[in-house]
Protein backbone atom coordinates (compact mmCIF):
# COMPACT_ATOMS: atom_id res chain seq x y z
CA UNK A 1 90.18 -226.03 -109.25
CA UNK A 2 91.17 -224.22 -106.09
CA UNK A 3 94.63 -223.88 -107.30
CA UNK A 4 93.52 -222.14 -110.66
CA UNK A 5 91.03 -219.99 -108.88
CA UNK A 6 94.05 -218.79 -106.28
CA UNK A 7 96.41 -218.24 -109.35
CA UNK A 8 93.63 -216.14 -111.03
CA UNK A 9 92.84 -213.95 -107.98
CA UNK A 10 96.69 -213.62 -107.19
CA UNK A 11 97.12 -212.07 -110.62
CA UNK A 12 94.31 -209.76 -110.22
CA UNK A 13 95.49 -208.60 -106.94
CA UNK A 14 99.03 -208.03 -108.21
CA UNK A 15 97.74 -206.09 -111.25
CA UNK A 16 95.48 -203.92 -108.88
CA UNK A 17 98.47 -203.27 -106.78
CA UNK A 18 100.55 -202.35 -109.58
CA UNK A 19 97.65 -199.89 -110.94
CA UNK A 20 96.75 -198.29 -107.76
CA UNK A 21 99.39 -198.98 -104.97
CA UNK A 22 100.98 -195.43 -105.41
CA UNK A 23 97.91 -193.29 -105.62
CA UNK A 24 98.49 -191.74 -102.23
CA UNK A 25 101.94 -190.17 -102.95
CA UNK A 26 104.28 -188.30 -105.27
CA UNK A 27 107.47 -186.62 -104.57
CA UNK A 28 108.55 -183.36 -106.21
CA UNK A 29 111.30 -180.66 -106.35
CA UNK A 30 110.55 -177.20 -108.06
CA UNK A 31 112.09 -173.92 -108.82
CA UNK A 32 110.85 -170.60 -110.05
CA UNK A 33 112.22 -167.75 -112.36
CA UNK A 34 110.68 -164.45 -112.01
CA UNK A 35 110.95 -161.92 -114.76
CA UNK A 36 109.34 -158.49 -114.91
CA UNK A 37 108.05 -157.75 -118.47
CA UNK A 38 107.03 -154.19 -117.89
CA UNK A 39 106.27 -151.55 -115.13
CA UNK A 40 105.00 -148.35 -116.78
CA UNK A 41 106.64 -145.19 -115.36
CA UNK A 42 109.33 -147.14 -113.40
CA UNK A 43 112.59 -145.39 -112.95
CA UNK A 44 114.49 -148.86 -113.57
CA UNK A 45 113.81 -152.63 -113.95
CA UNK A 46 116.34 -155.14 -113.22
CA UNK A 47 116.20 -158.83 -114.11
CA UNK A 48 118.84 -161.20 -112.56
CA UNK A 49 119.36 -164.73 -112.07
CA UNK A 50 117.90 -164.48 -108.60
CA UNK A 51 114.75 -162.51 -109.32
CA UNK A 52 113.78 -158.95 -110.43
CA UNK A 53 113.91 -155.45 -109.01
CA UNK A 54 111.81 -152.57 -109.75
CA UNK A 55 112.19 -148.80 -108.73
CA UNK A 56 109.41 -146.42 -108.91
CA UNK A 57 109.90 -143.00 -107.47
CA UNK A 58 111.10 -143.75 -103.85
CA UNK A 59 109.68 -147.18 -103.83
CA UNK A 60 111.64 -150.45 -104.51
CA UNK A 61 109.89 -153.87 -105.21
CA UNK A 62 111.95 -156.85 -105.15
CA UNK A 63 110.64 -160.17 -106.51
CA UNK A 64 112.73 -163.20 -105.63
CA UNK A 65 112.97 -166.78 -107.06
CA UNK A 66 112.23 -169.71 -104.91
CA UNK A 67 113.30 -173.18 -105.05
CA UNK A 68 112.24 -176.19 -102.96
CA UNK A 69 113.27 -179.84 -102.73
CA UNK A 70 111.63 -182.87 -101.22
CA UNK A 71 107.89 -182.26 -100.71
CA UNK A 72 105.34 -184.92 -100.91
CA UNK A 73 101.81 -184.91 -102.30
CA UNK A 74 98.86 -186.30 -101.53
CA UNK A 75 96.26 -183.74 -101.51
CA UNK A 76 96.53 -180.09 -101.96
CA UNK A 77 100.10 -179.01 -101.11
CA UNK A 78 100.34 -175.13 -100.97
CA UNK A 79 103.54 -173.89 -102.39
CA UNK A 80 105.46 -170.58 -102.50
CA UNK A 81 106.38 -169.53 -106.05
CA UNK A 82 107.89 -166.10 -105.45
CA UNK A 83 108.77 -163.90 -102.55
CA UNK A 84 108.13 -160.10 -102.42
CA UNK A 85 109.51 -157.24 -100.57
CA UNK A 86 108.33 -153.51 -100.81
CA UNK A 87 110.42 -150.68 -99.30
CA UNK A 88 109.91 -146.92 -99.69
CA UNK A 89 111.24 -143.57 -98.76
CA UNK A 90 108.34 -141.64 -100.22
CA UNK A 91 106.84 -139.52 -97.30
CA UNK A 92 103.19 -138.82 -96.88
CA UNK A 93 101.34 -137.04 -98.26
CA UNK A 94 103.06 -137.98 -101.40
CA UNK A 95 102.56 -141.67 -102.60
CA UNK A 96 103.86 -143.91 -105.46
CA UNK A 97 100.97 -145.75 -107.37
CA UNK A 98 102.04 -148.22 -110.30
CA UNK A 99 101.66 -151.70 -111.68
CA UNK A 100 104.33 -154.56 -112.40
CA UNK A 101 103.70 -157.04 -115.10
CA UNK A 102 105.61 -160.34 -114.47
CA UNK A 103 106.23 -163.82 -115.88
CA UNK A 104 107.00 -166.55 -113.26
CA UNK A 105 108.18 -169.85 -114.91
CA UNK A 106 107.44 -172.69 -112.53
CA UNK A 107 109.71 -175.90 -113.05
CA UNK A 108 108.40 -178.90 -111.60
CA UNK A 109 110.62 -182.39 -111.27
CA UNK A 110 109.16 -185.67 -110.50
CA UNK A 111 111.32 -187.63 -108.01
CA UNK A 112 110.74 -191.40 -108.43
CA UNK A 113 109.39 -193.62 -107.01
CA UNK A 114 106.60 -193.63 -108.15
CA UNK A 115 106.95 -192.72 -111.75
CA UNK A 116 110.33 -191.75 -113.52
CA UNK A 117 112.60 -188.88 -113.11
CA UNK A 118 111.15 -185.99 -115.35
CA UNK A 119 110.83 -182.30 -115.52
CA UNK A 120 108.31 -179.59 -116.98
CA UNK A 121 108.09 -175.96 -117.04
CA UNK A 122 105.05 -173.98 -116.86
CA UNK A 123 104.94 -170.15 -117.29
CA UNK A 124 102.49 -167.98 -115.50
CA UNK A 125 101.80 -164.24 -115.81
CA UNK A 126 100.34 -161.70 -113.37
CA UNK A 127 100.11 -158.12 -112.31
CA UNK A 128 101.01 -156.50 -109.08
CA UNK A 129 99.17 -153.35 -108.31
CA UNK A 130 100.64 -150.94 -105.69
CA UNK A 131 98.49 -148.22 -104.73
CA UNK A 132 99.25 -145.11 -102.36
CA UNK A 133 102.59 -146.44 -101.34
CA UNK A 134 104.53 -144.33 -98.65
CA UNK A 135 106.32 -144.59 -95.34
CA UNK A 136 102.83 -144.48 -93.51
CA UNK A 137 100.53 -146.62 -95.90
CA UNK A 138 99.98 -148.57 -99.21
CA UNK A 139 97.86 -151.31 -100.71
CA UNK A 140 99.48 -154.22 -102.69
CA UNK A 141 97.30 -156.48 -104.66
CA UNK A 142 98.06 -159.30 -107.13
CA UNK A 143 96.06 -160.80 -110.17
CA UNK A 144 97.00 -163.94 -112.05
CA UNK A 145 96.08 -164.02 -115.63
CA UNK A 146 94.64 -167.00 -117.25
CA UNK A 147 95.25 -169.65 -117.65
CA UNK A 148 95.69 -170.12 -113.79
CA UNK A 149 96.05 -173.81 -113.92
CA UNK A 150 98.00 -176.71 -115.66
CA UNK A 151 97.71 -180.45 -115.59
CA UNK A 152 98.99 -183.53 -117.38
CA UNK A 153 101.48 -186.47 -117.12
CA UNK A 154 105.06 -185.86 -115.74
CA UNK A 155 107.13 -188.96 -115.34
CA UNK A 156 104.39 -191.19 -115.37
CA UNK A 157 102.43 -189.33 -112.64
CA UNK A 158 99.21 -187.22 -113.31
CA UNK A 159 99.40 -183.93 -111.52
CA UNK A 160 97.38 -180.73 -111.40
CA UNK A 161 98.85 -177.29 -110.58
CA UNK A 162 96.98 -174.10 -109.78
CA UNK A 163 97.78 -170.71 -108.70
CA UNK A 164 95.45 -169.66 -105.84
CA UNK A 165 96.70 -167.38 -103.31
CA UNK A 166 98.64 -164.22 -102.46
CA UNK A 167 100.29 -162.98 -99.34
CA UNK A 168 100.68 -159.23 -99.47
CA UNK A 169 103.92 -157.81 -98.14
CA UNK A 170 104.09 -155.00 -95.54
CA UNK A 171 105.55 -151.69 -96.81
CA UNK A 172 108.88 -151.48 -94.93
CA UNK A 173 108.13 -154.65 -93.14
CA UNK A 174 107.41 -158.42 -93.63
CA UNK A 175 107.80 -159.99 -97.13
CA UNK A 176 104.87 -161.43 -98.92
CA UNK A 177 104.57 -164.18 -101.42
CA UNK A 178 102.68 -165.43 -104.73
CA UNK A 179 101.38 -168.82 -103.95
CA UNK A 180 99.68 -171.97 -105.60
CA UNK A 181 99.26 -175.66 -105.03
CA UNK A 182 99.87 -179.05 -106.39
CA UNK A 183 97.23 -181.66 -106.31
CA UNK A 184 95.38 -184.51 -107.76
CA UNK A 185 98.18 -186.83 -107.92
CA UNK A 186 97.92 -190.30 -109.37
CA UNK A 187 100.13 -192.83 -111.30
CA UNK A 188 99.27 -193.63 -114.84
CA UNK A 189 99.19 -197.40 -115.35
CA UNK A 190 101.85 -198.97 -117.40
CA UNK A 191 100.97 -201.32 -120.24
CA UNK A 192 102.18 -204.28 -118.12
CA UNK A 193 99.95 -203.43 -115.22
CA UNK A 194 97.05 -202.97 -117.65
CA UNK A 195 97.71 -206.48 -119.32
CA UNK A 196 98.06 -208.17 -115.98
CA UNK A 197 94.79 -206.38 -114.70
CA UNK A 198 93.06 -207.84 -117.81
CA UNK A 199 94.40 -211.36 -117.55
CA UNK A 200 93.31 -211.22 -114.02
CA UNK A 201 89.80 -210.17 -114.83
CA UNK A 202 89.58 -212.79 -117.68
CA UNK A 203 90.88 -215.58 -115.08
CA UNK A 204 88.08 -214.72 -112.69
CA UNK A 205 85.61 -214.80 -115.34
CA UNK A 206 86.56 -218.16 -116.60
CA UNK A 207 86.50 -219.51 -113.06
CA UNK A 208 83.05 -218.30 -112.56
CA UNK A 209 81.94 -219.58 -116.04
CA UNK A 210 83.26 -223.12 -115.36
CA UNK A 211 81.60 -222.97 -111.85
CA UNK A 212 78.21 -222.15 -113.42
CA UNK A 213 78.49 -224.92 -115.98
CA UNK A 214 79.42 -227.47 -113.41
CA UNK A 215 76.26 -226.64 -111.37
CA UNK A 216 74.14 -226.89 -114.40
């Protein structure tokens, strides 16, 4: 009886381990491709393999693609999905005011273990607004268009991605960035793991049933 109980409990423990042992970790690589779709009034728009450049009056905006390998989740993991620099030769009191509409395609790759090697691409869109840009001042804001999140299975791993933040660049100074996060990572149980879990639970139930009958 003790041997049967031990085997049932061992099967249950193995099944639970297979279903939940990797709940705390997932490894990813990612890359982004930014394309400017419109910038009303712009002098020029150039999309290349490394990003996009928009010239409006004396102001130049460069949006650069980003790639990153080997980052590990659990929990929220803030990511940079596009770099932005703004330079200008426009002198005050003149100023450049315009908007840039863009698409940023985010490609996420699951790196096993856990799960399997798999890749998924998720396009997001947004609008950069540049107001009063000259060599002395300027305001730069960003708005993501809905949907601003995506979730689903990738290589057997359930993930959630979300665009959340924006770091404004400084005119003729430090670069800024588009940003988001990857979170809510958990493995999707395989059929074998679910079968073992079911057998383990049935075994424990059978042992308890026999013990109850024996005491009766």
